Protein backbone atom coordinates (compact mmCIF):
# COMPACT_ATOMS: atom_id res chain seq x y z
CA MET A 1 -13.94 17.56 7.01
CA ASN A 2 -11.04 19.98 6.87
CA ILE A 3 -7.71 20.07 5.09
CA GLY A 4 -5.16 18.29 7.27
CA ASP A 5 -7.68 16.02 9.00
CA VAL A 6 -6.57 12.42 9.39
CA VAL A 7 -9.48 10.38 8.04
CA ALA A 8 -7.97 6.91 8.35
CA GLU A 9 -5.01 5.08 9.84
CA LYS A 10 -4.24 1.39 9.59
CA THR A 11 -1.37 -1.04 9.85
CA PHE A 12 -1.02 -4.28 7.93
CA GLU A 13 1.26 -7.19 8.77
CA ILE A 14 2.65 -8.69 5.57
CA THR A 15 4.05 -12.20 5.93
CA ARG A 16 5.34 -14.73 3.44
CA ASP A 17 1.91 -16.39 3.76
CA THR A 18 0.35 -13.08 2.67
CA LEU A 19 2.55 -13.14 -0.43
CA VAL A 20 1.53 -16.70 -1.29
CA ARG A 21 -2.16 -15.83 -0.95
CA TYR A 22 -1.73 -12.71 -3.07
CA ALA A 23 0.19 -14.63 -5.73
CA GLY A 24 -2.67 -17.12 -5.96
CA ALA A 25 -5.27 -14.38 -6.24
CA SER A 26 -3.34 -12.26 -8.73
CA GLY A 27 -1.57 -14.92 -10.75
CA ASP A 28 1.79 -13.20 -10.13
CA PHE A 29 4.09 -16.09 -9.25
CA ASN A 30 7.37 -14.27 -9.85
CA ALA A 31 9.90 -16.05 -7.62
CA ILE A 32 11.23 -12.77 -6.16
CA HIS A 33 8.05 -12.75 -4.08
CA TYR A 34 8.73 -16.04 -2.30
CA ARG A 35 12.31 -17.29 -2.84
CA ASP A 36 15.26 -15.61 -1.16
CA ASP A 37 17.79 -17.28 -3.45
CA ILE A 38 16.12 -15.98 -6.61
CA ALA A 39 15.61 -12.51 -5.14
CA THR A 40 19.26 -12.17 -4.19
CA GLU A 41 20.40 -13.74 -7.47
CA VAL A 42 18.78 -10.86 -9.39
CA GLY A 43 20.32 -8.27 -7.07
CA LEU A 44 17.50 -7.69 -4.58
CA PRO A 45 18.12 -7.59 -0.83
CA GLY A 46 15.51 -10.31 -0.24
CA VAL A 47 11.94 -11.32 -0.95
CA LEU A 48 9.72 -8.37 -1.87
CA ALA A 49 6.00 -7.85 -1.47
CA HIS A 50 4.14 -7.42 -4.75
CA GLY A 51 3.83 -3.75 -5.67
CA MET A 52 0.13 -4.10 -6.45
CA LEU A 53 -0.42 -5.76 -3.05
CA THR A 54 1.22 -2.79 -1.33
CA MET A 55 -0.79 -0.36 -3.44
CA GLY A 56 -4.05 -2.20 -2.73
CA LEU A 57 -3.46 -2.37 1.01
CA ALA A 58 -2.67 1.35 1.08
CA ALA A 59 -6.01 2.19 -0.56
CA GLN A 60 -8.11 0.03 1.76
CA PRO A 61 -8.30 2.48 4.69
CA VAL A 62 -9.64 5.14 2.30
CA VAL A 63 -12.28 2.74 0.97
CA ASP A 64 -13.24 1.79 4.52
CA TRP A 65 -13.52 5.45 5.52
CA ILE A 66 -15.55 6.59 2.51
CA GLY A 67 -17.76 3.49 2.78
CA ASP A 68 -18.25 2.93 -0.95
CA PRO A 69 -15.46 1.91 -3.35
CA GLY A 70 -17.41 3.57 -6.15
CA LYS A 71 -16.68 6.95 -4.55
CA VAL A 72 -12.97 6.53 -5.24
CA LEU A 73 -12.60 8.52 -8.45
CA ASP A 74 -8.90 7.83 -8.99
CA TYR A 75 -5.87 6.62 -7.13
CA THR A 76 -2.21 7.12 -7.95
CA VAL A 77 1.08 6.19 -6.32
CA ARG A 78 4.77 6.21 -7.08
CA PHE A 79 6.73 3.18 -5.90
CA THR A 80 9.69 4.59 -3.97
CA ARG A 81 11.08 1.64 -2.01
CA PRO A 82 10.38 -2.11 -2.04
CA VAL A 83 8.71 -3.80 0.91
CA LEU A 84 11.05 -6.52 2.16
CA VAL A 85 9.26 -9.44 3.80
CA PRO A 86 11.36 -11.57 6.16
CA ALA A 87 11.24 -15.38 6.09
CA THR A 88 9.84 -15.34 9.62
CA GLY A 89 7.82 -12.61 11.21
CA HIS A 90 6.34 -9.82 9.13
CA ALA A 91 6.80 -6.41 7.56
CA THR A 92 4.47 -3.79 9.03
CA LEU A 93 2.92 -1.46 6.47
CA THR A 94 1.54 1.72 8.03
CA VAL A 95 -0.96 3.92 6.21
CA VAL A 96 -2.07 7.40 7.30
CA ALA A 97 -4.69 9.13 5.16
CA LYS A 98 -5.13 12.91 5.42
CA VAL A 99 -7.34 15.36 3.60
CA GLY A 100 -5.04 17.28 1.25
CA ALA A 101 -7.59 19.36 -0.62
CA ILE A 102 -11.33 19.77 -1.07
CA ASP A 103 -12.79 21.13 -4.28
CA ASP A 104 -16.34 21.02 -5.59
CA GLY A 105 -17.44 17.82 -3.82
CA VAL A 106 -14.14 15.99 -4.34
CA ALA A 107 -11.55 15.45 -1.64
CA ARG A 108 -7.93 14.65 -2.36
CA ILE A 109 -6.71 12.20 0.25
CA ASP A 110 -2.95 12.15 0.70
CA LEU A 111 -1.53 8.85 1.90
CA THR A 112 1.64 8.37 3.87
CA VAL A 113 2.68 4.74 3.44
CA THR A 114 5.67 3.48 5.38
CA VAL A 115 7.50 0.38 6.53
CA ASP A 116 9.90 0.86 9.43
CA GLU A 117 9.43 4.63 9.11
CA SER A 118 10.66 4.57 5.48
CA THR A 119 8.27 5.75 2.79
CA VAL A 120 7.43 2.96 0.34
CA LEU A 121 4.82 4.77 -1.77
CA GLY A 122 5.39 8.37 -2.77
CA LYS A 123 2.81 10.84 -4.03
CA ALA A 124 0.10 8.40 -3.01
CA GLN A 125 -3.22 10.15 -3.49
CA ALA A 126 -6.85 9.16 -3.87
CA ARG A 127 -9.56 11.48 -5.10
CA VAL A 128 -12.94 10.67 -3.56
CA ALA A 129 -16.45 12.01 -3.98
CA VAL A 130 -17.69 13.47 -0.72
C-alpha cells in the first residue's frame, strides 16, 4: 500500500425507497426525507437523503476493503452539500477511497464523495489499522 493508491471505489443508487428503508431503520422520519411539499416549504430544493445515510454509505467501501469494521479507528466527515433524491429514478453517490497517509500501522484513507460530480462530503477521512 502506497500513498495515493485507490483502495476502494463504489457507487450507490439512492432512491426514495432507500430513504423509506433508512427512516425505518434509524427512526428518523423527518418529512424532508420523503415529502417534496414539506422540503420546499422549509426552503429546501427537494427531498434530501439523510446525512447519516450518506455518511454510512461512504464508509462502506473502506469497511469492505479492510475486511473488519473493528479496524476502522475513526471516521470523520463534513457535510458540504445535500443529496437531493428525485421522486423517480435515483441519485448516484460515488465514493473513491485513497490512501492519504501511513503512519505506524495506521492508514488515513481520504474519501472523495460526490453526486453528479459535486462533492457532498468534505474532509471525509477514515483512519484504519493496517
